[in-house]
Amino acid sequence: QVQLVESGGGLVQPGGSLRLFCAASGSIFSIHTMRWYRQAPGKEREFVSSISWSGGITYYGDSVKGRFTISRDNAKSTSYLQINSLEPEETGIYYCNADVTTNSGWQSYWGQGTQVTVPS
């Protein structure tokens, strides 16, 4: 069983910053690509960022390029998302997703999400 737990969300004023965390635990052989998505109220879930196992390859959604930075610490099985210059329309639930190999094979897992609120 694999669990992804996000944390670090909260209430932040426009222009502010947060650092989100995604910690993986369980019977893990290897964590491959890790990703962040977000879902605003009444909208579909959208891709935010991803990072390869080595950390050498990262991708960002167009709306967050230059403001968000993804990183990871494989020793801690944790991904981080530094989010800066937040805007009210970025309010929503931020989800972590990871491709994980266990003794059952490869599977994609999701966390429960962490709420980010930016008041207008």
N, C-alpha and C. Protein backbone atom coordinates (compact mmCIF):
# COMPACT_ATOMS: atom_id res chain seq x y z
N GLN A 1 0.85 -1.19 0.00
CA GLN A 1 0.00 0.00 0.00
C GLN A 1 0.88 1.24 0.00
N VAL A 2 0.53 2.19 -0.83
CA VAL A 2 1.28 3.44 -0.94
C VAL A 2 0.36 4.60 -0.59
N GLN A 3 0.89 5.53 0.16
CA GLN A 3 0.15 6.74 0.50
C GLN A 3 0.94 7.97 0.09
N LEU A 4 0.23 8.94 -0.46
CA LEU A 4 0.80 10.25 -0.74
C LEU A 4 0.06 11.25 0.14
N VAL A 5 0.81 12.04 0.89
CA VAL A 5 0.19 13.00 1.79
C VAL A 5 0.74 14.39 1.47
N GLU A 6 -0.16 15.28 1.08
CA GLU A 6 0.22 16.66 0.80
C GLU A 6 0.06 17.50 2.06
N SER A 7 0.87 18.54 2.14
CA SER A 7 0.77 19.50 3.24
C SER A 7 1.35 20.82 2.78
N GLY A 8 1.18 21.84 3.61
CA GLY A 8 1.76 23.14 3.30
C GLY A 8 0.78 24.16 2.76
N GLY A 9 -0.44 23.73 2.47
CA GLY A 9 -1.43 24.67 1.98
C GLY A 9 -1.89 25.60 3.08
N GLY A 10 -2.68 26.58 2.69
CA GLY A 10 -3.20 27.53 3.67
C GLY A 10 -3.75 28.76 3.00
N LEU A 11 -3.99 29.76 3.84
CA LEU A 11 -4.50 31.05 3.37
C LEU A 11 -3.32 32.00 3.16
N VAL A 12 -3.23 32.57 1.99
CA VAL A 12 -2.12 33.49 1.69
C VAL A 12 -2.66 34.66 0.89
N GLN A 13 -2.16 35.84 1.17
CA GLN A 13 -2.60 37.05 0.48
C GLN A 13 -2.09 37.06 -0.96
N PRO A 14 -2.78 37.77 -1.84
CA PRO A 14 -2.29 37.88 -3.24
C PRO A 14 -0.84 38.36 -3.27
N GLY A 15 -0.08 37.71 -4.11
CA GLY A 15 1.33 38.02 -4.20
C GLY A 15 2.20 37.23 -3.25
N GLY A 16 1.57 36.48 -2.38
CA GLY A 16 2.31 35.71 -1.39
C GLY A 16 2.82 34.39 -1.92
N SER A 17 3.47 33.65 -1.02
CA SER A 17 4.11 32.39 -1.38
C SER A 17 3.75 31.29 -0.41
N LEU A 18 3.85 30.08 -0.91
CA LEU A 18 3.69 28.88 -0.08
C LEU A 18 4.65 27.82 -0.59
N ARG A 19 4.96 26.89 0.30
CA ARG A 19 5.76 25.73 -0.10
C ARG A 19 4.94 24.49 0.22
N LEU A 20 4.60 23.75 -0.81
CA LEU A 20 3.81 22.55 -0.64
C LEU A 20 4.71 21.32 -0.58
N PHE A 21 4.24 20.33 0.16
CA PHE A 21 4.99 19.11 0.35
C PHE A 21 4.13 17.91 -0.05
N CYS A 22 4.78 16.91 -0.62
CA CYS A 22 4.11 15.65 -0.93
C CYS A 22 5.02 14.52 -0.46
N ALA A 23 4.59 13.84 0.59
CA ALA A 23 5.39 12.77 1.17
C ALA A 23 4.79 11.42 0.83
N ALA A 24 5.61 10.54 0.27
CA ALA A 24 5.16 9.20 -0.08
C ALA A 24 5.63 8.22 0.98
N SER A 25 4.79 7.24 1.26
CA SER A 25 5.15 6.21 2.22
C SER A 25 4.51 4.89 1.81
N GLY A 26 5.05 3.80 2.37
CA GLY A 26 4.51 2.49 2.07
C GLY A 26 5.58 1.56 1.53
N SER A 27 5.13 0.48 0.93
CA SER A 27 6.05 -0.54 0.40
C SER A 27 6.51 -0.14 -1.00
N ILE A 28 7.43 0.80 -1.03
CA ILE A 28 7.86 1.43 -2.28
C ILE A 28 9.22 0.90 -2.71
N PHE A 29 9.29 0.45 -3.96
CA PHE A 29 10.58 0.11 -4.53
C PHE A 29 11.23 1.35 -5.13
N SER A 30 10.43 2.10 -5.88
CA SER A 30 10.95 3.28 -6.55
C SER A 30 9.83 4.23 -6.89
N ILE A 31 10.11 5.52 -6.77
CA ILE A 31 9.17 6.56 -7.17
C ILE A 31 9.71 7.20 -8.44
N HIS A 32 8.94 7.15 -9.48
CA HIS A 32 9.38 7.68 -10.76
C HIS A 32 8.94 9.14 -10.86
N THR A 33 8.23 9.50 -11.91
CA THR A 33 7.79 10.88 -12.06
C THR A 33 6.82 11.27 -10.95
N MET A 34 7.02 12.47 -10.42
CA MET A 34 6.09 13.05 -9.45
C MET A 34 5.49 14.30 -10.06
N ARG A 35 4.22 14.51 -9.79
CA ARG A 35 3.50 15.61 -10.42
C ARG A 35 2.63 16.36 -9.41
N TRP A 36 2.31 17.58 -9.77
CA TRP A 36 1.35 18.38 -9.03
C TRP A 36 0.24 18.81 -9.99
N TYR A 37 -0.97 18.72 -9.50
CA TYR A 37 -2.15 19.21 -10.21
C TYR A 37 -2.91 20.12 -9.26
N ARG A 38 -3.82 20.88 -9.80
CA ARG A 38 -4.69 21.69 -8.95
C ARG A 38 -6.09 21.72 -9.55
N GLN A 39 -7.05 21.97 -8.68
CA GLN A 39 -8.44 22.03 -9.10
C GLN A 39 -9.11 23.19 -8.40
N ALA A 40 -9.49 24.17 -9.18
CA ALA A 40 -10.22 25.32 -8.66
C ALA A 40 -11.69 24.96 -8.52
N PRO A 41 -12.41 25.65 -7.66
CA PRO A 41 -13.84 25.37 -7.49
C PRO A 41 -14.59 25.46 -8.81
N GLY A 42 -15.34 24.41 -9.14
CA GLY A 42 -16.15 24.41 -10.35
C GLY A 42 -15.38 24.20 -11.64
N LYS A 43 -14.10 23.90 -11.53
CA LYS A 43 -13.28 23.71 -12.73
C LYS A 43 -12.66 22.32 -12.74
N GLU A 44 -12.13 21.94 -13.89
CA GLU A 44 -11.47 20.65 -14.02
C GLU A 44 -10.06 20.71 -13.42
N ARG A 45 -9.59 19.54 -13.04
CA ARG A 45 -8.23 19.45 -12.52
C ARG A 45 -7.25 19.76 -13.64
N GLU A 46 -6.23 20.57 -13.33
CA GLU A 46 -5.26 20.95 -14.34
C GLU A 46 -3.84 20.62 -13.90
N PHE A 47 -3.02 20.33 -14.87
CA PHE A 47 -1.61 20.02 -14.62
C PHE A 47 -0.86 21.29 -14.19
N VAL A 48 -0.02 21.13 -13.18
CA VAL A 48 0.79 22.25 -12.69
C VAL A 48 2.26 22.03 -13.01
N SER A 49 2.77 20.86 -12.60
CA SER A 49 4.21 20.64 -12.77
C SER A 49 4.54 19.17 -12.60
N SER A 50 5.69 18.76 -13.15
CA SER A 50 6.17 17.40 -12.96
C SER A 50 7.68 17.40 -12.87
N ILE A 51 8.21 16.33 -12.27
CA ILE A 51 9.66 16.19 -12.12
C ILE A 51 10.03 14.73 -12.27
N SER A 52 11.12 14.49 -12.98
CA SER A 52 11.58 13.13 -13.21
C SER A 52 12.25 12.57 -11.96
N TRP A 53 12.58 11.28 -11.99
CA TRP A 53 13.20 10.63 -10.84
C TRP A 53 14.49 11.33 -10.43
N SER A 54 15.30 11.68 -11.41
CA SER A 54 16.59 12.31 -11.11
C SER A 54 16.45 13.78 -10.75
N GLY A 55 15.29 14.34 -11.07
CA GLY A 55 15.11 15.78 -10.87
C GLY A 55 15.63 16.61 -12.02
N GLY A 56 16.19 15.94 -13.01
CA GLY A 56 16.80 16.67 -14.11
C GLY A 56 15.83 17.15 -15.16
N ILE A 57 14.63 16.61 -15.16
CA ILE A 57 13.63 17.01 -16.16
C ILE A 57 12.40 17.50 -15.42
N THR A 58 12.04 18.74 -15.69
CA THR A 58 10.85 19.33 -15.07
C THR A 58 9.98 19.95 -16.15
N TYR A 59 8.69 19.97 -15.89
CA TYR A 59 7.72 20.60 -16.78
C TYR A 59 6.78 21.45 -15.93
N TYR A 60 6.28 22.51 -16.56
CA TYR A 60 5.36 23.41 -15.88
C TYR A 60 4.20 23.77 -16.80
N GLY A 61 3.03 23.95 -16.20
CA GLY A 61 1.93 24.49 -16.96
C GLY A 61 2.24 25.93 -17.36
N ASP A 62 1.67 26.36 -18.45
CA ASP A 62 1.99 27.70 -18.97
C ASP A 62 1.69 28.80 -17.96
N SER A 63 0.63 28.64 -17.19
CA SER A 63 0.20 29.70 -16.28
C SER A 63 1.10 29.85 -15.06
N VAL A 64 1.96 28.87 -14.80
CA VAL A 64 2.77 28.93 -13.59
C VAL A 64 4.26 29.06 -13.88
N LYS A 65 4.64 29.01 -15.14
CA LYS A 65 6.06 29.10 -15.49
C LYS A 65 6.66 30.40 -14.94
N GLY A 66 7.82 30.26 -14.33
CA GLY A 66 8.51 31.42 -13.80
C GLY A 66 8.11 31.77 -12.37
N ARG A 67 7.01 31.19 -11.89
CA ARG A 67 6.56 31.48 -10.52
C ARG A 67 6.59 30.26 -9.62
N PHE A 68 6.44 29.09 -10.17
CA PHE A 68 6.43 27.84 -9.40
C PHE A 68 7.72 27.08 -9.66
N THR A 69 8.20 26.40 -8.64
CA THR A 69 9.39 25.57 -8.78
C THR A 69 9.16 24.22 -8.11
N ILE A 70 9.35 23.16 -8.88
CA ILE A 70 9.19 21.82 -8.34
C ILE A 70 10.57 21.23 -8.03
N SER A 71 10.64 20.45 -6.97
CA SER A 71 11.88 19.76 -6.61
C SER A 71 11.52 18.48 -5.87
N ARG A 72 12.52 17.67 -5.57
CA ARG A 72 12.25 16.44 -4.84
C ARG A 72 13.49 16.00 -4.07
N ASP A 73 13.24 15.21 -3.05
CA ASP A 73 14.30 14.61 -2.25
C ASP A 73 14.00 13.11 -2.21
N ASN A 74 14.71 12.34 -2.98
CA ASN A 74 14.41 10.91 -3.07
C ASN A 74 14.70 10.18 -1.76
N ALA A 75 15.64 10.67 -1.01
CA ALA A 75 15.94 10.04 0.29
C ALA A 75 14.77 10.15 1.25
N LYS A 76 13.97 11.20 1.05
CA LYS A 76 12.80 11.41 1.91
C LYS A 76 11.50 11.06 1.21
N SER A 77 11.59 10.58 -0.03
CA SER A 77 10.40 10.24 -0.82
C SER A 77 9.42 11.41 -0.84
N THR A 78 9.94 12.59 -1.04
CA THR A 78 9.13 13.80 -0.93
C THR A 78 9.34 14.71 -2.14
N SER A 79 8.24 15.28 -2.58
CA SER A 79 8.28 16.30 -3.62
C SER A 79 7.87 17.62 -3.01
N TYR A 80 8.42 18.69 -3.54
CA TYR A 80 8.12 20.03 -3.05
C TYR A 80 7.64 20.89 -4.22
N LEU A 81 6.75 21.81 -3.90
CA LEU A 81 6.32 22.79 -4.89
C LEU A 81 6.36 24.16 -4.25
N GLN A 82 7.30 24.97 -4.68
CA GLN A 82 7.40 26.36 -4.22
C GLN A 82 6.52 27.19 -5.13
N ILE A 83 5.55 27.86 -4.54
CA ILE A 83 4.63 28.65 -5.35
C ILE A 83 4.72 30.11 -4.91
N ASN A 84 4.99 30.97 -5.85
CA ASN A 84 5.19 32.40 -5.58
C ASN A 84 4.20 33.24 -6.35
N SER A 85 4.06 34.47 -5.91
CA SER A 85 3.19 35.44 -6.61
C SER A 85 1.80 34.88 -6.86
N LEU A 86 1.22 34.32 -5.80
CA LEU A 86 -0.09 33.70 -5.96
C LEU A 86 -1.18 34.72 -6.27
N GLU A 87 -2.14 34.28 -7.06
CA GLU A 87 -3.25 35.12 -7.47
C GLU A 87 -4.56 34.48 -7.01
N PRO A 88 -5.59 35.27 -6.80
CA PRO A 88 -6.86 34.72 -6.30
C PRO A 88 -7.40 33.56 -7.14
N GLU A 89 -7.22 33.63 -8.44
CA GLU A 89 -7.76 32.56 -9.30
C GLU A 89 -7.00 31.25 -9.15
N GLU A 90 -5.94 31.26 -8.37
CA GLU A 90 -5.19 30.04 -8.11
C GLU A 90 -5.66 29.33 -6.84
N THR A 91 -6.69 29.84 -6.27
CA THR A 91 -7.33 29.17 -5.14
C THR A 91 -7.84 27.80 -5.59
N GLY A 92 -7.60 26.80 -4.75
CA GLY A 92 -8.09 25.46 -5.08
C GLY A 92 -7.37 24.41 -4.27
N ILE A 93 -7.64 23.18 -4.65
CA ILE A 93 -6.98 22.06 -4.00
C ILE A 93 -5.81 21.62 -4.87
N TYR A 94 -4.66 21.50 -4.25
CA TYR A 94 -3.45 21.09 -4.95
C TYR A 94 -3.19 19.62 -4.62
N TYR A 95 -3.09 18.81 -5.67
CA TYR A 95 -2.93 17.37 -5.53
C TYR A 95 -1.55 16.91 -5.99
N CYS A 96 -1.05 15.92 -5.30
CA CYS A 96 0.19 15.26 -5.68
C CYS A 96 -0.14 13.94 -6.38
N ASN A 97 0.64 13.62 -7.39
CA ASN A 97 0.49 12.37 -8.13
C ASN A 97 1.87 11.78 -8.36
N ALA A 98 2.00 10.48 -8.24
CA ALA A 98 3.31 9.86 -8.43
C ALA A 98 3.18 8.49 -9.06
N ASP A 99 4.12 8.18 -9.92
CA ASP A 99 4.22 6.83 -10.50
C ASP A 99 5.17 6.04 -9.62
N VAL A 100 4.66 4.94 -9.08
CA VAL A 100 5.40 4.20 -8.05
C VAL A 100 5.48 2.73 -8.42
N THR A 101 6.65 2.15 -8.20
CA THR A 101 6.81 0.71 -8.35
C THR A 101 6.84 0.07 -6.97
N THR A 102 5.96 -0.91 -6.78
CA THR A 102 5.93 -1.69 -5.55
C THR A 102 6.10 -3.16 -5.92
N ASN A 103 5.94 -4.06 -4.96
CA ASN A 103 6.06 -5.48 -5.29
C ASN A 103 4.89 -5.96 -6.13
N SER A 104 3.89 -5.09 -6.31
CA SER A 104 2.75 -5.43 -7.17
C SER A 104 2.90 -4.88 -8.57
N GLY A 105 3.99 -4.16 -8.78
CA GLY A 105 4.20 -3.57 -10.10
C GLY A 105 4.09 -2.06 -10.07
N TRP A 106 3.90 -1.48 -11.26
CA TRP A 106 3.83 -0.04 -11.41
C TRP A 106 2.40 0.45 -11.29
N GLN A 107 2.21 1.57 -10.58
CA GLN A 107 0.88 2.14 -10.45
C GLN A 107 1.00 3.63 -10.19
N SER A 108 -0.01 4.38 -10.59
CA SER A 108 -0.06 5.81 -10.34
C SER A 108 -0.93 6.06 -9.12
N TYR A 109 -0.43 6.87 -8.20
CA TYR A 109 -1.14 7.16 -6.95
C TYR A 109 -1.43 8.65 -6.84
N TRP A 110 -2.49 8.94 -6.10
CA TRP A 110 -2.89 10.32 -5.84
C TRP A 110 -3.00 10.55 -4.33
N GLY A 111 -2.68 11.77 -3.94
CA GLY A 111 -2.93 12.18 -2.57
C GLY A 111 -4.32 12.78 -2.43
N GLN A 112 -4.65 13.17 -1.21
CA GLN A 112 -5.97 13.72 -0.93
C GLN A 112 -6.03 15.22 -1.20
N GLY A 113 -4.89 15.84 -1.36
CA GLY A 113 -4.87 17.26 -1.69
C GLY A 113 -4.67 18.16 -0.49
N THR A 114 -4.20 19.36 -0.78
CA THR A 114 -4.05 20.39 0.24
C THR A 114 -4.66 21.68 -0.30
N GLN A 115 -5.42 22.36 0.54
CA GLN A 115 -6.16 23.54 0.11
C GLN A 115 -5.28 24.77 0.12
N VAL A 116 -5.33 25.50 -0.98
CA VAL A 116 -4.65 26.80 -1.08
C VAL A 116 -5.73 27.85 -1.35
N THR A 117 -5.75 28.87 -0.51
CA THR A 117 -6.76 29.91 -0.64
C THR A 117 -6.08 31.27 -0.75
N VAL A 118 -6.41 31.97 -1.82
CA VAL A 118 -5.89 33.31 -2.05
C VAL A 118 -7.09 34.25 -2.18
N PRO A 119 -7.39 35.03 -1.17
CA PRO A 119 -8.57 35.88 -1.21
C PRO A 119 -8.42 37.01 -2.22
N SER A 120 -9.54 37.39 -2.79
CA SER A 120 -9.51 38.50 -3.77
C SER A 120 -9.75 39.83 -3.08
